[in-house]
Amino acid sequence: SLALLGGCWGVFGNRAGIVLLHGGIGLMMFYELFVALTAIETQMMISEGERTNFTQDIRTVELAITDTTDLKEEKVVAIPKSIVLGKKPIEHSDLPFTIEVVDYKKNAWLRRPNATDKNLATVGFGLSAIPDEKRSGSGTDSETKIDTPTAYVNLKSKSNGQDLGTYLVGLEVSFLTQQAPITNANKVEIDGRTYQIDLRPKRYYKPF
């Protein structure tokens, strides 16, 4: 600070203190903007006796399709949020079906469906739950809760165009299935293989 003040004094004279203060404020504002645009804050949750090789960012999501056919090894296709929010059907060479996002809610809470609800889900977890859209967190709320997005996704076979059903996926659904097995979890069987569908926190895998 003294070195900067000396330099400012040599250039700006009696205005050196004002220039230094304004420069410091500008530097802090730039730093906050830089951190907001580039920083990634993740969590690593490990239960006692378990191990993991990834961290996750609970402020953003990805659509994960996991091939669970092999009990020893899972193969995952992770689709980023930017593509999930796109308007085009989603295709991947490792998947035997295309994915269409029918509806996406940025923040929603799950509840049991009633007779008056129009349920978009035809199979899976969505048969027993309906998402009610809620206001997204602003960051200044008294309760700092994260958004829990949900989506309805429709799957169609690539080979014959068969409709494989519409599934409800979401962050809250993902947390529930991690905590305890759910009998009506979002699984689809096609061509002799079984796939699990999740809208989960974005993962960052580590080399350890």
Protein backbone atom coordinates (compact mmCIF):
# COMPACT_ATOMS: atom_id res chain seq x y z
CA SER A 1 0.00 0.00 0.00
CA LEU A 2 2.82 2.41 0.83
CA ALA A 3 4.57 1.63 -2.46
CA LEU A 4 1.35 2.23 -4.41
CA LEU A 5 0.64 5.40 -2.45
CA GLY A 6 4.14 6.63 -3.24
CA GLY A 7 3.65 5.95 -6.94
CA CYS A 8 0.25 7.64 -6.94
CA TRP A 9 1.73 10.62 -5.07
CA GLY A 10 4.40 11.01 -7.71
CA VAL A 11 1.84 10.98 -10.54
CA PHE A 12 -1.29 12.56 -9.03
CA GLY A 13 0.09 14.71 -6.25
CA ASN A 14 -2.44 15.66 -3.58
CA ARG A 15 -5.07 13.39 -5.18
CA ALA A 16 -2.97 10.29 -4.56
CA GLY A 17 -5.09 9.00 -1.66
CA ILE A 18 -8.36 9.37 -3.58
CA VAL A 19 -6.91 7.62 -6.65
CA LEU A 20 -5.53 4.77 -4.51
CA LEU A 21 -8.87 4.25 -2.72
CA HIS A 22 -10.83 4.21 -5.97
CA GLY A 23 -8.28 1.89 -7.56
CA GLY A 24 -8.63 -0.52 -4.62
CA ILE A 25 -12.42 -0.51 -4.87
CA GLY A 26 -12.20 -1.14 -8.61
CA LEU A 27 -9.77 -4.01 -8.04
CA MET A 28 -12.14 -5.61 -5.50
CA MET A 29 -15.09 -5.29 -7.90
CA PHE A 30 -13.07 -6.86 -10.72
CA TYR A 31 -11.98 -9.71 -8.43
CA GLU A 32 -15.58 -10.45 -7.39
CA LEU A 33 -16.64 -10.52 -11.06
CA PHE A 34 -13.70 -12.74 -12.01
CA VAL A 35 -14.48 -15.22 -9.21
CA ALA A 36 -18.20 -15.28 -10.09
CA LEU A 37 -17.41 -16.12 -13.73
CA THR A 38 -14.56 -18.60 -13.27
CA ALA A 39 -14.60 -20.17 -9.81
CA ILE A 40 -16.06 -23.67 -9.37
CA GLU A 41 -17.10 -24.69 -5.87
CA THR A 42 -17.62 -28.41 -5.40
CA GLN A 43 -18.34 -30.89 -2.64
CA MET A 44 -17.07 -34.39 -1.99
CA MET A 45 -19.45 -36.46 0.11
CA ILE A 46 -18.10 -39.74 1.48
CA SER A 47 -20.00 -41.98 3.86
CA GLU A 48 -18.02 -43.95 6.42
CA GLY A 49 -16.44 -46.98 4.80
CA GLU A 50 -16.99 -45.71 1.24
CA ARG A 51 -14.69 -44.12 -1.31
CA THR A 52 -15.22 -41.90 -4.31
CA ASN A 53 -13.25 -40.31 -7.14
CA PHE A 54 -15.35 -37.24 -7.95
CA THR A 55 -16.58 -33.94 -6.55
CA GLN A 56 -19.90 -32.38 -7.48
CA ASP A 57 -21.22 -28.87 -8.04
CA ILE A 58 -24.70 -28.68 -6.50
CA ARG A 59 -25.40 -25.33 -8.21
CA THR A 60 -25.61 -26.86 -11.67
CA VAL A 61 -26.76 -30.18 -13.10
CA GLU A 62 -26.13 -32.73 -15.83
CA LEU A 63 -28.32 -35.43 -17.31
CA ALA A 64 -26.58 -38.74 -16.67
CA ILE A 65 -27.48 -41.98 -18.45
CA THR A 66 -25.71 -44.88 -16.76
CA ASP A 67 -25.38 -48.34 -18.31
CA THR A 68 -25.75 -50.58 -15.23
CA THR A 69 -25.81 -53.91 -17.11
CA ASP A 70 -22.30 -54.89 -15.98
CA LEU A 71 -22.31 -55.17 -12.18
CA LYS A 72 -18.55 -54.56 -12.05
CA GLU A 73 -18.34 -51.48 -14.24
CA GLU A 74 -20.74 -48.65 -15.06
CA LYS A 75 -20.58 -46.66 -18.28
CA VAL A 76 -21.94 -43.13 -18.06
CA VAL A 77 -22.96 -40.62 -20.69
CA ALA A 78 -23.15 -37.19 -19.02
CA ILE A 79 -25.03 -34.48 -20.92
CA PRO A 80 -24.29 -30.90 -19.77
CA LYS A 81 -27.05 -28.51 -18.74
CA SER A 82 -26.51 -26.29 -21.78
CA ILE A 83 -27.53 -29.16 -24.08
CA VAL A 84 -30.40 -30.24 -21.80
CA LEU A 85 -31.86 -26.73 -22.13
CA GLY A 86 -31.51 -26.81 -25.92
CA LYS A 87 -34.52 -27.30 -28.17
CA LYS A 88 -33.17 -30.22 -30.22
CA PRO A 89 -33.50 -33.95 -29.40
CA ILE A 90 -30.34 -35.28 -27.74
CA GLU A 91 -28.42 -38.09 -29.42
CA HIS A 92 -25.20 -39.89 -28.50
CA SER A 93 -23.40 -42.72 -30.26
CA ASP A 94 -23.24 -44.79 -27.04
CA LEU A 95 -27.00 -44.61 -26.44
CA PRO A 96 -29.60 -46.75 -28.27
CA PHE A 97 -32.26 -44.06 -27.87
CA THR A 98 -32.79 -40.34 -28.41
CA ILE A 99 -33.79 -38.01 -25.59
CA GLU A 100 -36.29 -35.15 -25.81
CA VAL A 101 -36.66 -32.77 -22.88
CA VAL A 102 -40.43 -32.24 -22.67
CA ASP A 103 -40.42 -29.85 -19.71
CA TYR A 104 -37.76 -28.28 -17.47
CA LYS A 105 -38.28 -26.46 -14.19
CA LYS A 106 -35.39 -24.49 -12.70
CA ASN A 107 -36.60 -25.05 -9.14
CA ALA A 108 -39.36 -27.43 -7.99
CA TRP A 109 -40.47 -29.41 -4.95
CA LEU A 110 -41.90 -32.88 -5.25
CA ARG A 111 -45.26 -33.97 -3.86
CA ARG A 112 -47.69 -36.83 -4.32
CA PRO A 113 -49.97 -36.49 -7.37
CA ASN A 114 -53.72 -36.06 -7.03
CA ALA A 115 -56.65 -36.72 -9.36
CA THR A 116 -56.58 -33.22 -10.91
CA ASP A 117 -52.89 -33.26 -11.87
CA LYS A 118 -51.79 -33.62 -15.47
CA ASN A 119 -48.92 -36.04 -15.06
CA LEU A 120 -46.49 -36.04 -17.99
CA ALA A 121 -44.63 -39.10 -16.72
CA THR A 122 -45.69 -42.48 -18.09
CA VAL A 123 -43.12 -44.68 -16.32
CA GLY A 124 -40.64 -44.59 -13.46
CA PHE A 125 -40.44 -42.34 -10.43
CA GLY A 126 -42.77 -39.73 -11.94
CA LEU A 127 -45.79 -42.00 -11.49
CA SER A 128 -45.62 -41.32 -7.74
CA ALA A 129 -44.48 -37.68 -7.69
CA ILE A 130 -45.36 -34.31 -9.23
CA PRO A 131 -43.03 -31.28 -9.29
CA ASP A 132 -44.45 -27.95 -8.14
CA GLU A 133 -42.46 -25.05 -9.56
CA LYS A 134 -41.01 -22.65 -6.99
CA ARG A 135 -39.22 -19.32 -7.14
CA SER A 136 -35.50 -19.72 -7.68
CA GLY A 137 -33.16 -18.76 -4.85
CA SER A 138 -31.80 -15.23 -5.13
CA GLY A 139 -28.70 -15.63 -2.98
CA THR A 140 -30.03 -13.05 -0.51
CA ASP A 141 -32.77 -15.22 1.01
CA SER A 142 -32.72 -15.77 4.76
CA GLU A 143 -32.61 -19.50 4.08
CA THR A 144 -29.76 -20.27 1.70
CA LYS A 145 -31.23 -23.25 -0.09
CA ILE A 146 -30.08 -24.54 -3.46
CA ASP A 147 -32.38 -24.83 -6.47
CA THR A 148 -33.67 -28.34 -7.16
CA PRO A 149 -34.44 -28.50 -10.90
CA THR A 150 -36.61 -31.18 -12.48
CA ALA A 151 -37.25 -32.29 -16.05
CA TYR A 152 -39.52 -34.62 -17.97
CA VAL A 153 -37.56 -36.54 -20.60
CA ASN A 154 -39.00 -38.73 -23.34
CA LEU A 155 -36.98 -41.60 -24.80
CA LYS A 156 -37.39 -43.08 -28.28
CA SER A 157 -35.57 -46.10 -29.70
CA LYS A 158 -33.12 -45.29 -32.49
CA SER A 159 -33.73 -48.58 -34.27
CA ASN A 160 -37.52 -48.49 -34.68
CA GLY A 161 -38.70 -45.22 -33.15
CA GLN A 162 -40.55 -46.99 -30.33
CA ASP A 163 -41.63 -44.72 -27.51
CA LEU A 164 -39.84 -45.92 -24.36
CA GLY A 165 -41.75 -43.62 -22.03
CA THR A 166 -41.51 -40.23 -20.37
CA TYR A 167 -39.54 -40.04 -17.13
CA LEU A 168 -39.40 -37.47 -14.33
CA VAL A 169 -35.82 -36.72 -13.35
CA GLY A 170 -34.53 -34.13 -10.93
CA LEU A 171 -31.98 -33.17 -8.33
CA GLU A 172 -34.28 -34.15 -5.47
CA VAL A 173 -34.99 -37.50 -7.17
CA SER A 174 -31.24 -38.07 -7.51
CA PHE A 175 -30.65 -37.38 -3.80
CA LEU A 176 -33.47 -39.75 -2.82
CA THR A 177 -32.15 -42.60 -4.95
CA GLN A 178 -28.66 -42.14 -3.48
CA GLN A 179 -29.94 -42.41 0.08
CA ALA A 180 -32.07 -45.54 -0.38
CA PRO A 181 -33.03 -47.93 -3.19
CA ILE A 182 -36.31 -47.01 -4.89
CA THR A 183 -38.31 -49.72 -6.58
CA ASN A 184 -39.71 -47.43 -9.27
CA ALA A 185 -36.42 -45.72 -10.08
CA ASN A 186 -35.89 -44.39 -13.58
CA LYS A 187 -34.56 -47.43 -15.41
CA VAL A 188 -35.10 -48.43 -19.02
CA GLU A 189 -34.25 -51.76 -20.64
CA ILE A 190 -33.48 -51.91 -24.34
CA ASP A 191 -31.45 -54.26 -26.55
CA GLY A 192 -30.61 -56.42 -23.55
CA ARG A 193 -29.06 -53.58 -21.57
CA THR A 194 -30.30 -51.58 -18.57
CA TYR A 195 -29.89 -47.82 -18.24
CA GLN A 196 -30.46 -45.54 -15.24
CA ILE A 197 -31.52 -41.93 -15.94
CA ASP A 198 -30.66 -39.13 -13.49
CA LEU A 199 -30.58 -35.35 -13.39
CA ARG A 200 -27.78 -35.01 -10.89
CA PRO A 201 -25.21 -32.42 -9.72
CA LYS A 202 -22.44 -31.89 -12.25
CA ARG A 203 -19.47 -34.13 -11.46
CA TYR A 204 -15.76 -33.49 -11.74
CA TYR A 205 -13.74 -36.71 -11.69
CA LYS A 206 -10.34 -36.82 -9.99
CA PRO A 207 -7.28 -38.99 -10.80
CA PHE A 208 -7.24 -40.46 -7.28
